[in-house]
Amino acid sequence: MQQDKRYSTMSEHELRQEMAQLQEKARKAEQMGMVNEFAVLERKAIMARSYLLDPKLFIPGEIYGIDGDPGQYFKIDYMNGVFAWGYRLKGSGQEEALPISMLKDLTNNKPE
């Protein structure tokens, strides 16, 4: 049985290939009405995209928009790898982690 390679060990080219494959599988799952499968594949693509970004560009104490969740904002308390730990400003105040590819820089309104 072949074991999948970890995103953290993949090259940029491998990550881009993986994202393309995941997006194609997600598109097919959505067309077939497989909602749970679609959600899993979409989440994997988000994680793969996070490994293409530089975590050093995400600054604790800063506020970011959340991609796919308009009107929601996330304040980073600290970084751990490709995850930003913090809380949603209009949320319950409970700490959570978001992959950095889900965060949008509010100064230019684009994902980091």
Protein backbone atom coordinates (compact mmCIF):
# COMPACT_ATOMS: atom_id res chain seq x y z
CA MET A 1 0.00 0.00 0.00
CA GLN A 2 1.42 3.36 -1.04
CA GLN A 3 1.49 6.00 1.66
CA ASP A 4 0.63 9.54 0.65
CA LYS A 5 3.34 12.13 0.95
CA ARG A 6 2.89 14.82 3.59
CA TYR A 7 2.18 18.30 2.26
CA SER A 8 5.08 19.63 4.31
CA THR A 9 7.54 17.48 2.31
CA MET A 10 6.12 18.26 -1.14
CA SER A 11 7.74 20.65 -3.60
CA GLU A 12 5.82 23.64 -4.95
CA HIS A 13 5.21 21.73 -8.19
CA GLU A 14 3.87 18.68 -6.32
CA LEU A 15 1.59 20.88 -4.19
CA ARG A 16 0.16 22.57 -7.29
CA GLN A 17 -0.45 19.18 -8.92
CA GLU A 18 -2.13 17.92 -5.75
CA MET A 19 -4.36 21.00 -5.60
CA ALA A 20 -5.40 20.54 -9.24
CA GLN A 21 -6.25 16.87 -8.63
CA LEU A 22 -8.20 17.68 -5.48
CA GLN A 23 -10.16 20.44 -7.22
CA GLU A 24 -11.05 18.09 -10.08
CA LYS A 25 -12.18 15.36 -7.66
CA ALA A 26 -14.16 17.96 -5.68
CA ARG A 27 -15.87 19.16 -8.85
CA LYS A 28 -16.89 15.60 -9.72
CA ALA A 29 -18.10 14.91 -6.16
CA GLU A 30 -20.20 18.08 -6.23
CA GLN A 31 -21.73 17.10 -9.58
CA MET A 32 -22.62 13.69 -8.17
CA GLY A 33 -24.21 15.26 -5.08
CA MET A 34 -21.62 13.81 -2.71
CA VAL A 35 -21.65 16.74 -0.29
CA ASN A 36 -19.44 15.19 2.40
CA GLU A 37 -16.82 14.03 -0.10
CA PHE A 38 -16.82 17.50 -1.68
CA ALA A 39 -16.25 19.16 1.71
CA VAL A 40 -13.33 16.84 2.55
CA LEU A 41 -11.64 17.40 -0.80
CA GLU A 42 -12.15 21.16 -0.60
CA ARG A 43 -10.57 21.20 2.88
CA LYS A 44 -7.58 19.20 1.65
CA ALA A 45 -7.06 21.72 -1.18
CA ILE A 46 -7.13 24.56 1.37
CA MET A 47 -4.46 22.77 3.41
CA ALA A 48 -2.27 22.15 0.34
CA ARG A 49 -2.55 25.84 -0.62
CA SER A 50 -1.42 26.81 2.90
CA TYR A 51 1.93 25.12 2.29
CA LEU A 52 2.53 27.41 -0.69
CA LEU A 53 2.34 30.48 1.57
CA ASP A 54 4.96 31.89 3.93
CA PRO A 55 3.70 31.71 7.53
CA LYS A 56 6.05 34.60 8.44
CA LEU A 57 3.76 36.94 6.49
CA PHE A 58 0.96 36.32 9.03
CA ILE A 59 1.49 38.49 12.08
CA PRO A 60 0.16 37.78 15.57
CA GLY A 61 -2.03 40.63 16.77
CA GLU A 62 -3.20 41.45 13.24
CA ILE A 63 -6.77 41.03 11.99
CA TYR A 64 -7.56 39.20 8.77
CA GLY A 65 -10.69 38.47 6.78
CA ILE A 66 -11.80 34.86 6.42
CA ASP A 67 -11.99 33.59 2.85
CA GLY A 68 -15.43 32.13 2.18
CA ASP A 69 -16.96 33.78 5.24
CA PRO A 70 -17.76 37.42 4.34
CA GLY A 71 -18.07 39.82 7.24
CA GLN A 72 -16.09 37.55 9.58
CA TYR A 73 -12.71 38.60 10.91
CA PHE A 74 -9.98 36.63 12.64
CA LYS A 75 -7.36 37.98 15.06
CA ILE A 76 -4.18 35.92 15.23
CA ASP A 77 -2.79 35.21 18.69
CA TYR A 78 0.09 33.01 17.51
CA MET A 79 1.30 30.90 14.61
CA ASN A 80 2.06 27.18 14.61
CA GLY A 81 3.31 26.00 11.22
CA VAL A 82 0.69 26.81 8.58
CA PHE A 83 -2.02 27.36 11.18
CA ALA A 84 -3.00 30.70 12.67
CA TRP A 85 -4.37 30.34 16.18
CA GLY A 86 -6.72 32.99 17.49
CA TYR A 87 -10.39 33.86 17.51
CA ARG A 88 -13.17 35.31 15.39
CA LEU A 89 -13.98 38.90 16.36
CA LYS A 90 -17.77 38.44 16.33
CA GLY A 91 -17.59 34.87 17.56
CA SER A 92 -17.77 33.22 20.94
CA GLY A 93 -14.20 34.20 21.77
CA GLN A 94 -13.19 30.55 21.74
CA GLU A 95 -9.70 29.88 20.41
CA GLU A 96 -9.48 28.08 17.07
CA ALA A 97 -6.95 27.40 14.35
CA LEU A 98 -7.36 28.29 10.69
CA PRO A 99 -5.09 27.28 7.82
CA ILE A 100 -3.32 30.43 6.62
CA SER A 101 -4.73 30.05 3.10
CA MET A 102 -8.15 30.93 4.55
CA LEU A 103 -6.96 34.33 5.77
CA LYS A 104 -7.30 37.47 3.67
CA ASP A 105 -5.12 40.52 4.07
CA LEU A 106 -7.52 43.40 4.73
CA THR A 107 -5.20 46.04 3.30
CA ASN A 108 -5.57 44.80 -0.29
CA ASN A 109 -8.56 42.44 0.18
CA LYS A 110 -6.75 39.44 -1.36
CA PRO A 111 -5.64 36.14 0.19
CA GLU A 112 -2.06 36.37 1.45
